[in-house]
């Protein structure tokens, strides 16, 4: 969805830029309506270029269209630029959906802490390294996609990190009625900073 709209918002697709040089501008209405400031190709859907493909089938699906309408509604209601609409929508949706689910997950895990293991298993270690490798692989991929998608990824990752840090707060955990466990700390942020300093800064 963002790829469909990204070509209209932040960075036109190179193929469309070359193709649009020979296209006429949008017709000027004879009534008192404002004259369009964008050519026809700038507001045309991507379906005109990627017809009958799997990408078009995915872009035309109902969930994508609903998300597209929500984002367009946020943009129209707030009057923010497109980058601001993406940021606001991401923060609002993740705060309303993923934060309560994450808090409930921590609540369930705290209830069954006779089942939690101390330290990471070998499988968890492999998963951690796999995720790190995928993060490095995403750098060249992110350099080729529309900038609106990269902005969404960045904002979504930052919100996820903020939620994880918030769920470590004793006050927030008490507010969510998450039971205390043996692994809980009264100073979680100091512990994180100390572990980071020991691992990456103070290590010789």
Protein backbone atom coordinates (compact mmCIF):
# COMPACT_ATOMS: atom_id res chain seq x y z
CA UNK A 1 0.00 0.00 0.00
CA UNK A 2 2.73 2.43 0.90
CA UNK A 3 4.50 1.50 -2.30
CA UNK A 4 1.37 2.44 -4.27
CA UNK A 5 1.08 5.75 -2.48
CA UNK A 6 4.82 6.33 -2.12
CA UNK A 7 5.11 7.09 -5.79
CA UNK A 8 2.57 9.86 -5.30
CA UNK A 9 3.88 11.28 -2.07
CA UNK A 10 7.58 11.37 -1.61
CA UNK A 11 9.52 9.98 -4.53
CA UNK A 12 8.16 9.21 -8.01
CA UNK A 13 9.16 5.92 -9.51
CA UNK A 14 12.03 6.28 -12.03
CA UNK A 15 10.12 4.36 -14.68
CA UNK A 16 7.17 6.70 -14.34
CA UNK A 17 9.42 9.75 -14.47
CA UNK A 18 10.75 8.75 -17.88
CA UNK A 19 7.38 7.64 -19.19
CA UNK A 20 5.58 10.77 -18.03
CA UNK A 21 7.56 13.23 -20.12
CA UNK A 22 5.33 12.63 -23.13
CA UNK A 23 2.04 12.54 -21.21
CA UNK A 24 -0.31 15.55 -21.09
CA UNK A 25 -1.18 17.28 -17.87
CA UNK A 26 -4.52 16.75 -16.20
CA UNK A 27 -7.35 18.68 -17.92
CA UNK A 28 -8.18 22.05 -16.47
CA UNK A 29 -11.77 22.25 -15.24
CA UNK A 30 -13.90 25.08 -16.57
CA UNK A 31 -15.65 25.61 -13.23
CA UNK A 32 -14.28 27.46 -10.24
CA UNK A 33 -12.34 24.43 -8.99
CA UNK A 34 -8.64 24.83 -8.33
CA UNK A 35 -6.27 23.86 -11.12
CA UNK A 36 -4.39 20.59 -10.46
CA UNK A 37 -0.73 21.09 -9.73
CA UNK A 38 0.26 17.51 -10.62
CA UNK A 39 0.24 15.78 -14.03
CA UNK A 40 -1.99 12.82 -14.67
CA UNK A 41 0.79 10.26 -14.19
CA UNK A 42 1.51 11.56 -10.68
CA UNK A 43 -1.98 10.72 -9.43
CA UNK A 44 -2.55 7.61 -11.50
CA UNK A 45 -2.51 4.29 -9.62
CA UNK A 46 0.35 1.88 -10.08
CA UNK A 47 -2.12 -0.53 -11.71
CA UNK A 48 -1.62 1.35 -14.95
CA UNK A 49 1.98 0.14 -15.01
CA UNK A 50 1.92 -3.20 -13.18
CA UNK A 51 -1.24 -4.78 -14.56
CA UNK A 52 -2.10 -8.46 -14.18
CA UNK A 53 0.82 -9.22 -11.82
CA UNK A 54 1.05 -10.62 -8.31
CA UNK A 55 2.00 -7.18 -7.04
CA UNK A 56 -1.16 -5.65 -8.48
CA UNK A 57 -3.27 -8.46 -7.04
CA UNK A 58 -1.78 -7.82 -3.62
CA UNK A 59 -2.12 -4.04 -3.95
CA UNK A 60 -5.77 -4.39 -4.95
CA UNK A 61 -6.66 -6.65 -2.00
CA UNK A 62 -9.20 -5.50 0.56
CA UNK A 63 -6.82 -5.14 3.56
CA UNK A 64 -4.44 -2.97 1.52
CA UNK A 65 -7.26 -0.77 0.28
CA UNK A 66 -8.64 -0.35 3.80
CA UNK A 67 -5.19 0.64 5.09
CA UNK A 68 -4.82 3.02 2.16
CA UNK A 69 -8.15 4.69 2.93
CA UNK A 70 -7.20 5.02 6.61
CA UNK A 71 -3.93 6.70 5.70
CA UNK A 72 -5.66 9.01 3.23
CA UNK A 73 -8.22 9.86 5.91
CA UNK A 74 -5.49 10.73 8.42
CA UNK A 75 -3.81 12.93 5.84
CA UNK A 76 -7.05 14.73 4.98
CA UNK A 77 -8.17 15.14 8.61
CA UNK A 78 -4.89 16.40 10.05
CA UNK A 79 -3.54 18.38 7.12
CA UNK A 80 -0.07 17.02 7.87
CA UNK A 81 2.44 16.33 5.09
CA UNK A 82 2.61 12.73 3.98
CA UNK A 83 5.65 11.94 6.13
CA UNK A 84 3.79 13.29 9.16
CA UNK A 85 0.71 11.23 8.31
CA UNK A 86 2.83 8.08 8.09
CA UNK A 87 4.47 8.79 11.45
CA UNK A 88 1.19 9.60 13.18
CA UNK A 89 -0.63 6.57 11.75
CA UNK A 90 2.20 4.20 12.69
CA UNK A 91 2.47 5.46 16.26
CA UNK A 92 -1.32 5.47 16.75
CA UNK A 93 -1.90 1.98 15.34
CA UNK A 94 1.05 0.37 17.12
CA UNK A 95 0.12 2.08 20.36
CA UNK A 96 -3.51 0.96 20.10
CA UNK A 97 -2.85 -2.61 18.91
CA UNK A 98 0.64 -3.94 19.62
CA UNK A 99 1.22 -2.31 23.01
CA UNK A 100 -1.83 -3.91 24.70
CA UNK A 101 -0.97 -7.27 23.10
CA UNK A 102 2.65 -7.01 24.27
CA UNK A 103 1.53 -6.10 27.80
CA UNK A 104 -0.81 -9.10 27.84
CA UNK A 105 1.99 -11.34 26.60
CA UNK A 106 4.22 -10.19 29.46
CA UNK A 107 1.33 -10.81 31.86
CA UNK A 108 0.95 -14.42 30.64
CA UNK A 109 4.71 -15.05 30.73
CA UNK A 110 4.92 -13.69 34.27
CA UNK A 111 2.13 -16.04 35.33
CA UNK A 112 4.04 -19.07 34.03
CA UNK A 113 7.53 -17.95 35.01
CA UNK A 114 7.89 -22.76 36.72
CA UNK A 115 8.33 -22.82 32.64
CA UNK A 116 10.77 -19.85 31.82
CA UNK A 117 14.46 -20.62 31.26
CA UNK A 118 17.41 -18.64 32.45
CA UNK A 119 19.59 -17.56 29.54
CA UNK A 120 19.17 -18.28 25.84
CA UNK A 121 18.89 -21.71 24.31
CA UNK A 122 20.90 -22.69 21.24
CA UNK A 123 17.81 -22.26 19.06
CA UNK A 124 17.22 -18.75 20.43
CA UNK A 125 20.84 -17.90 19.73
CA UNK A 126 20.48 -19.03 16.10
CA UNK A 127 17.32 -16.96 15.73
CA UNK A 128 19.09 -13.91 17.14
CA UNK A 129 21.94 -14.20 14.65
CA UNK A 130 19.48 -14.80 11.81
CA UNK A 131 17.56 -11.63 12.68
CA UNK A 132 20.80 -9.66 12.81
CA UNK A 133 21.82 -10.98 9.40
CA UNK A 134 18.43 -10.06 7.96
CA UNK A 135 18.81 -6.55 9.39
CA UNK A 136 22.06 -6.12 7.46
CA UNK A 137 20.47 -7.59 4.32
CA UNK A 138 17.62 -5.09 4.53
CA UNK A 139 20.00 -2.14 4.05
CA UNK A 140 20.44 -2.57 0.27
CA UNK A 141 16.77 -3.52 -0.08
CA UNK A 142 15.70 -0.36 1.73
CA UNK A 143 17.84 1.67 -0.66
CA UNK A 144 15.71 0.54 -3.62
CA UNK A 145 12.15 0.88 -2.29
CA UNK A 146 10.11 4.11 -2.12
CA UNK A 147 11.13 6.39 0.71
CA UNK A 148 7.66 6.20 2.28
CA UNK A 149 8.16 2.49 3.01
CA UNK A 150 11.59 3.11 4.54
CA UNK A 151 10.05 5.83 6.72
CA UNK A 152 7.37 3.41 7.89
CA UNK A 153 9.94 0.71 8.69
CA UNK A 154 12.05 3.17 10.64
CA UNK A 155 9.11 4.56 12.58
CA UNK A 156 7.67 1.10 13.28
CA UNK A 157 11.02 -0.18 14.56
CA UNK A 158 11.48 2.86 16.80
CA UNK A 159 7.99 2.45 18.26
CA UNK A 160 8.64 -1.25 18.87
CA UNK A 161 11.90 -0.46 20.68
CA UNK A 162 10.14 2.19 22.77
CA UNK A 163 7.41 -0.27 23.72
CA UNK A 164 9.94 -2.88 24.80
CA UNK A 165 11.70 -0.32 26.98
CA UNK A 166 8.38 0.83 28.42
CA UNK A 167 7.44 -2.74 29.33
CA UNK A 168 10.60 -2.97 31.42
CA UNK A 169 9.49 -0.08 33.61
CA UNK A 170 8.36 -1.29 37.08
CA UNK A 171 5.76 1.46 37.24
CA UNK A 172 4.23 0.57 33.87
CA UNK A 173 4.26 -3.13 34.69
CA UNK A 174 2.45 -2.38 37.93
CA UNK A 175 -0.05 -0.24 36.04
CA UNK A 176 -0.73 -3.17 33.70
CA UNK A 177 -0.93 -5.54 36.70
CA UNK A 178 1.90 -7.68 35.40
CA UNK A 179 3.10 -9.96 38.25
CA UNK A 180 6.68 -9.57 39.45
CA UNK A 181 9.22 -12.23 38.55
CA UNK A 182 12.71 -13.07 39.74
CA UNK A 183 14.23 -11.55 36.61
CA UNK A 184 12.61 -8.14 37.18
CA UNK A 185 14.84 -5.26 38.17
CA UNK A 186 14.09 -2.04 40.02
CA UNK A 187 16.53 -0.18 37.79
CA UNK A 188 16.06 -1.77 34.32
CA UNK A 189 17.36 1.18 32.30
CA UNK A 190 20.55 1.46 34.35
CA UNK A 191 21.06 -2.27 33.89
CA UNK A 192 20.65 -1.97 30.12
CA UNK A 193 23.10 0.91 29.93
CA UNK A 194 25.61 -0.94 32.12
CA UNK A 195 25.34 -4.08 29.98
CA UNK A 196 25.77 -2.04 26.77
CA UNK A 197 28.75 -0.20 28.22
CA UNK A 198 30.36 -3.45 29.31
CA UNK A 199 29.81 -5.23 26.01
CA UNK A 200 30.60 -2.54 23.47
CA UNK A 201 32.43 0.37 25.14
CA UNK A 202 34.51 -0.88 28.03
CA UNK A 203 35.51 -4.16 26.40
CA UNK A 204 39.18 -4.19 25.47
